[in-house]
Amino acid sequence: MATRKNAKPKPAACPDCKGSGEVPTTVLVGRKRRPVGKQSGICLNCLGTGEAPADGE
């Protein structure tokens, strides 16, 4: 298979979510706030895109 010469390089993965766009958040319940599990949430660093944000923007 031939490679394209004009192909854009793949953007770097977000360091916080490792490119998935989601991060685990611990779910706390009860008066003592004990952890019972994990819940997936959107990555606030890349806003769910999975790409590393550009510096200076």
PDB file of N, CA and C in Angstrom:
ATOM      1  N   MET A   1       0.832  -1.158   0.000  1.00  0.00           N
ATOM      2  CA  MET A   1       0.000   0.000   0.000  1.00  0.00           C
ATOM      3  C   MET A   1       0.893   1.243   0.000  1.00  0.00           C
ATOM      4  N   ALA A   2       0.612   2.168  -0.860  1.00  0.00           N
ATOM      5  CA  ALA A   2       1.405   3.380  -0.971  1.00  0.00           C
ATOM      6  C   ALA A   2       0.970   4.389   0.081  1.00  0.00           C
ATOM      7  N   THR A   3       1.936   5.179   0.566  1.00  0.00           N
ATOM      8  CA  THR A   3       1.610   6.214   1.536  1.00  0.00           C
ATOM      9  C   THR A   3       1.404   7.529   0.807  1.00  0.00           C
ATOM     10  N   ARG A   4       0.543   8.351   1.364  1.00  0.00           N
ATOM     11  CA  ARG A   4       0.285   9.653   0.767  1.00  0.00           C
ATOM     12  C   ARG A   4       1.363  10.637   1.187  1.00  0.00           C
ATOM     13  N   LYS A   5       1.761  11.480   0.266  1.00  0.00           N
ATOM     14  CA  LYS A   5       2.767  12.485   0.577  1.00  0.00           C
ATOM     15  C   LYS A   5       2.147  13.690   1.262  1.00  0.00           C
ATOM     16  N   ASN A   6       0.887  13.983   0.966  1.00  0.00           N
ATOM     17  CA  ASN A   6       0.235  15.174   1.507  1.00  0.00           C
ATOM     18  C   ASN A   6      -0.625  14.857   2.733  1.00  0.00           C
ATOM     19  N   ALA A   7      -0.488  13.689   3.310  1.00  0.00           N
ATOM     20  CA  ALA A   7      -1.301  13.312   4.468  1.00  0.00           C
ATOM     21  C   ALA A   7      -0.895  14.148   5.681  1.00  0.00           C
ATOM     22  N   LYS A   8      -1.910  14.610   6.423  1.00  0.00           N
ATOM     23  CA  LYS A   8      -1.647  15.408   7.608  1.00  0.00           C
ATOM     24  C   LYS A   8      -1.188  14.484   8.730  1.00  0.00           C
ATOM     25  N   PRO A   9      -0.247  14.951   9.530  1.00  0.00           N
ATOM     26  CA  PRO A   9       0.195  14.115  10.658  1.00  0.00           C
ATOM     27  C   PRO A   9      -0.930  13.986  11.689  1.00  0.00           C
ATOM     28  N   LYS A  10      -0.974  12.859  12.356  1.00  0.00           N
ATOM     29  CA  LYS A  10      -1.995  12.615  13.361  1.00  0.00           C
ATOM     30  C   LYS A  10      -1.716  13.508  14.562  1.00  0.00           C
ATOM     31  N   PRO A  11      -2.742  14.220  15.096  1.00  0.00           N
ATOM     32  CA  PRO A  11      -2.501  15.094  16.240  1.00  0.00           C
ATOM     33  C   PRO A  11      -2.116  14.300  17.487  1.00  0.00           C
ATOM     34  N   ALA A  12      -1.400  14.951  18.356  1.00  0.00           N
ATOM     35  CA  ALA A  12      -0.955  14.304  19.593  1.00  0.00           C
ATOM     36  C   ALA A  12      -2.150  14.027  20.499  1.00  0.00           C
ATOM     37  N   ALA A  13      -2.075  12.929  21.237  1.00  0.00           N
ATOM     38  CA  ALA A  13      -3.152  12.562  22.154  1.00  0.00           C
ATOM     39  C   ALA A  13      -3.087  13.427  23.410  1.00  0.00           C
ATOM     40  N   CYS A  14      -4.241  13.684  23.972  1.00  0.00           N
ATOM     41  CA  CYS A  14      -4.342  14.469  25.205  1.00  0.00           C
ATOM     42  C   CYS A  14      -3.657  13.703  26.336  1.00  0.00           C
ATOM     43  N   PRO A  15      -2.800  14.361  27.125  1.00  0.00           N
ATOM     44  CA  PRO A  15      -2.094  13.642  28.194  1.00  0.00           C
ATOM     45  C   PRO A  15      -3.003  13.227  29.350  1.00  0.00           C
ATOM     46  N   ASP A  16      -4.108  13.931  29.556  1.00  0.00           N
ATOM     47  CA  ASP A  16      -4.987  13.611  30.685  1.00  0.00           C
ATOM     48  C   ASP A  16      -5.861  12.397  30.413  1.00  0.00           C
ATOM     49  N   CYS A  17      -6.465  12.328  29.219  1.00  0.00           N
ATOM     50  CA  CYS A  17      -7.399  11.234  28.915  1.00  0.00           C
ATOM     51  C   CYS A  17      -6.778  10.178  28.002  1.00  0.00           C
ATOM     52  N   LYS A  18      -5.543  10.349  27.603  1.00  0.00           N
ATOM     53  CA  LYS A  18      -4.828   9.405  26.725  1.00  0.00           C
ATOM     54  C   LYS A  18      -5.516   9.239  25.368  1.00  0.00           C
ATOM     55  N   GLY A  19      -6.214  10.300  24.921  1.00  0.00           N
ATOM     56  CA  GLY A  19      -6.839  10.282  23.601  1.00  0.00           C
ATOM     57  C   GLY A  19      -8.254   9.734  23.562  1.00  0.00           C
ATOM     58  N   SER A  20      -8.810   9.316  24.683  1.00  0.00           N
ATOM     59  CA  SER A  20     -10.158   8.747  24.666  1.00  0.00           C
ATOM     60  C   SER A  20     -11.240   9.817  24.767  1.00  0.00           C
ATOM     61  N   GLY A  21     -10.945  10.972  25.354  1.00  0.00           N
ATOM     62  CA  GLY A  21     -11.936  12.028  25.522  1.00  0.00           C
ATOM     63  C   GLY A  21     -12.726  11.892  26.812  1.00  0.00           C
ATOM     64  N   GLU A  22     -12.517  10.805  27.553  1.00  0.00           N
ATOM     65  CA  GLU A  22     -13.232  10.591  28.802  1.00  0.00           C
ATOM     66  C   GLU A  22     -12.251  10.287  29.930  1.00  0.00           C
ATOM     67  N   VAL A  23     -12.583  10.753  31.114  1.00  0.00           N
ATOM     68  CA  VAL A  23     -11.777  10.483  32.299  1.00  0.00           C
ATOM     69  C   VAL A  23     -12.673   9.877  33.376  1.00  0.00           C
ATOM     70  N   PRO A  24     -12.129   8.964  34.196  1.00  0.00           N
ATOM     71  CA  PRO A  24     -12.943   8.390  35.265  1.00  0.00           C
ATOM     72  C   PRO A  24     -13.084   9.368  36.437  1.00  0.00           C
ATOM     73  N   THR A  25     -14.284   9.426  36.991  1.00  0.00           N
ATOM     74  CA  THR A  25     -14.567  10.253  38.152  1.00  0.00           C
ATOM     75  C   THR A  25     -15.088   9.352  39.261  1.00  0.00           C
ATOM     76  N   THR A  26     -14.557   9.469  40.445  1.00  0.00           N
ATOM     77  CA  THR A  26     -14.984   8.644  41.566  1.00  0.00           C
ATOM     78  C   THR A  26     -16.353   9.106  42.061  1.00  0.00           C
ATOM     79  N   VAL A  27     -17.256   8.151  42.270  1.00  0.00           N
ATOM     80  CA  VAL A  27     -18.590   8.442  42.793  1.00  0.00           C
ATOM     81  C   VAL A  27     -18.569   8.229  44.296  1.00  0.00           C
ATOM     82  N   LEU A  28     -18.940   9.265  45.052  1.00  0.00           N
ATOM     83  CA  LEU A  28     -18.943   9.214  46.503  1.00  0.00           C
ATOM     84  C   LEU A  28     -20.383   9.223  47.007  1.00  0.00           C
ATOM     85  N   VAL A  29     -20.708   8.376  47.999  1.00  0.00           N
ATOM     86  CA  VAL A  29     -22.061   8.326  48.550  1.00  0.00           C
ATOM     87  C   VAL A  29     -22.007   8.334  50.071  1.00  0.00           C
ATOM     88  N   GLY A  30     -23.109   8.709  50.671  1.00  0.00           N
ATOM     89  CA  GLY A  30     -23.247   8.649  52.119  1.00  0.00           C
ATOM     90  C   GLY A  30     -22.686   9.851  52.831  1.00  0.00           C
ATOM     91  N   ARG A  31     -22.980   9.885  54.120  1.00  0.00           N
ATOM     92  CA  ARG A  31     -22.536  10.997  54.952  1.00  0.00           C
ATOM     93  C   ARG A  31     -21.026  11.016  55.107  1.00  0.00           C
ATOM     94  N   LYS A  32     -20.416   9.839  55.102  1.00  0.00           N
ATOM     95  CA  LYS A  32     -18.956   9.747  55.239  1.00  0.00           C
ATOM     96  C   LYS A  32     -18.239   9.869  53.901  1.00  0.00           C
ATOM     97  N   ARG A  33     -19.008  10.019  52.815  1.00  0.00           N
ATOM     98  CA  ARG A  33     -18.474  10.221  51.455  1.00  0.00           C
ATOM     99  C   ARG A  33     -17.531   9.097  51.048  1.00  0.00           C
ATOM    100  N   ARG A  34     -17.996   7.871  51.175  1.00  0.00           N
ATOM    101  CA  ARG A  34     -17.159   6.726  50.799  1.00  0.00           C
ATOM    102  C   ARG A  34     -17.286   6.465  49.293  1.00  0.00           C
ATOM    103  N   PRO A  35     -16.188   6.089  48.654  1.00  0.00           N
ATOM    104  CA  PRO A  35     -16.221   5.802  47.216  1.00  0.00           C
ATOM    105  C   PRO A  35     -16.913   4.463  46.939  1.00  0.00           C
ATOM    106  N   VAL A  36     -17.775   4.443  45.924  1.00  0.00           N
ATOM    107  CA  VAL A  36     -18.478   3.205  45.565  1.00  0.00           C
ATOM    108  C   VAL A  36     -18.178   2.750  44.147  1.00  0.00           C
ATOM    109  N   GLY A  37     -17.580   3.602  43.344  1.00  0.00           N
ATOM    110  CA  GLY A  37     -17.280   3.202  41.970  1.00  0.00           C
ATOM    111  C   GLY A  37     -16.747   4.361  41.157  1.00  0.00           C
ATOM    112  N   LYS A  38     -16.698   4.139  39.872  1.00  0.00           N
ATOM    113  CA  LYS A  38     -16.211   5.165  38.939  1.00  0.00           C
ATOM    114  C   LYS A  38     -17.290   5.466  37.912  1.00  0.00           C
ATOM    115  N   GLN A  39     -17.280   6.671  37.405  1.00  0.00           N
ATOM    116  CA  GLN A  39     -18.212   7.127  36.388  1.00  0.00           C
ATOM    117  C   GLN A  39     -17.396   7.869  35.347  1.00  0.00           C
ATOM    118  N   SER A  40     -17.718   7.682  34.082  1.00  0.00           N
ATOM    119  CA  SER A  40     -16.936   8.379  33.061  1.00  0.00           C
ATOM    120  C   SER A  40     -17.475   9.787  32.878  1.00  0.00           C
ATOM    121  N   GLY A  41     -16.539  10.713  32.685  1.00  0.00           N
ATOM    122  CA  GLY A  41     -16.885  12.106  32.474  1.00  0.00           C
ATOM    123  C   GLY A  41     -16.053  12.667  31.339  1.00  0.00           C
ATOM    124  N   ILE A  42     -16.469  13.794  30.805  1.00  0.00           N
ATOM    125  CA  ILE A  42     -15.762  14.407  29.681  1.00  0.00           C
ATOM    126  C   ILE A  42     -14.451  15.016  30.186  1.00  0.00           C
ATOM    127  N   CYS A  43     -13.427  14.892  29.390  1.00  0.00           N
ATOM    128  CA  CYS A  43     -12.121  15.451  29.723  1.00  0.00           C
ATOM    129  C   CYS A  43     -12.183  16.969  29.556  1.00  0.00           C
ATOM    130  N   LEU A  44     -11.893  17.702  30.616  1.00  0.00           N
ATOM    131  CA  LEU A  44     -11.961  19.159  30.552  1.00  0.00           C
ATOM    132  C   LEU A  44     -10.720  19.780  29.927  1.00  0.00           C
ATOM    133  N   ASN A  45      -9.669  19.000  29.767  1.00  0.00           N
ATOM    134  CA  ASN A  45      -8.447  19.510  29.147  1.00  0.00           C
ATOM    135  C   ASN A  45      -8.631  19.641  27.632  1.00  0.00           C
ATOM    136  N   CYS A  46      -9.216  18.618  27.002  1.00  0.00           N
ATOM    137  CA  CYS A  46      -9.385  18.635  25.545  1.00  0.00           C
ATOM    138  C   CYS A  46     -10.852  18.767  25.139  1.00  0.00           C
ATOM    139  N   LEU A  47     -11.751  18.835  26.113  1.00  0.00           N
ATOM    140  CA  LEU A  47     -13.198  18.956  25.894  1.00  0.00           C
ATOM    141  C   LEU A  47     -13.757  17.791  25.083  1.00  0.00           C
ATOM    142  N   GLY A  48     -13.215  16.618  25.308  1.00  0.00           N
ATOM    143  CA  GLY A  48     -13.756  15.409  24.699  1.00  0.00           C
ATOM    144  C   GLY A  48     -13.254  15.080  23.309  1.00  0.00           C
ATOM    145  N   THR A  49     -12.353  15.862  22.754  1.00  0.00           N
ATOM    146  CA  THR A  49     -11.859  15.582  21.408  1.00  0.00           C
ATOM    147  C   THR A  49     -10.774  14.514  21.403  1.00  0.00           C
ATOM    148  N   GLY A  50     -10.032  14.388  22.487  1.00  0.00           N
ATOM    149  CA  GLY A  50      -8.945  13.423  22.575  1.00  0.00           C
ATOM    150  C   GLY A  50      -7.636  13.931  22.016  1.00  0.00           C
ATOM    151  N   GLU A  51      -7.630  15.142  21.486  1.00  0.00           N
ATOM    152  CA  GLU A  51      -6.409  15.728  20.926  1.00  0.00           C
ATOM    153  C   GLU A  51      -5.807  16.687  21.943  1.00  0.00           C
ATOM    154  N   ALA A  52      -4.514  16.764  21.956  1.00  0.00           N
ATOM    155  CA  ALA A  52      -3.818  17.672  22.868  1.00  0.00           C
ATOM    156  C   ALA A  52      -4.149  19.115  22.493  1.00  0.00           C
ATOM    157  N   PRO A  53      -4.531  19.930  23.476  1.00  0.00           N
ATOM    158  CA  PRO A  53      -4.844  21.326  23.174  1.00  0.00           C
ATOM    159  C   PRO A  53      -3.594  22.104  22.791  1.00  0.00           C
ATOM    160  N   ALA A  54      -3.771  23.064  21.890  1.00  0.00           N
ATOM    161  CA  ALA A  54      -2.647  23.897  21.468  1.00  0.00           C
ATOM    162  C   ALA A  54      -2.335  24.912  22.560  1.00  0.00           C
ATOM    163  N   ASP A  55      -1.075  25.152  22.808  1.00  0.00           N
ATOM    164  CA  ASP A  55      -0.672  26.126  23.821  1.00  0.00           C
ATOM    165  C   ASP A  55      -0.873  27.533  23.275  1.00  0.00           C
ATOM    166  N   GLY A  56      -1.273  28.442  24.171  1.00  0.00           N
ATOM    167  CA  GLY A  56      -1.412  29.835  23.789  1.00  0.00           C
ATOM    168  C   GLY A  56      -2.767  30.193  23.226  1.00  0.00           C
ATOM    169  N   GLU A  57      -3.725  29.301  23.266  1.00  0.00           N
ATOM    170  CA  GLU A  57      -5.056  29.634  22.744  1.00  0.00           C
ATOM    171  C   GLU A  57      -6.030  29.785  23.855  1.00  0.00           C
TER     172      GLU A  57
END
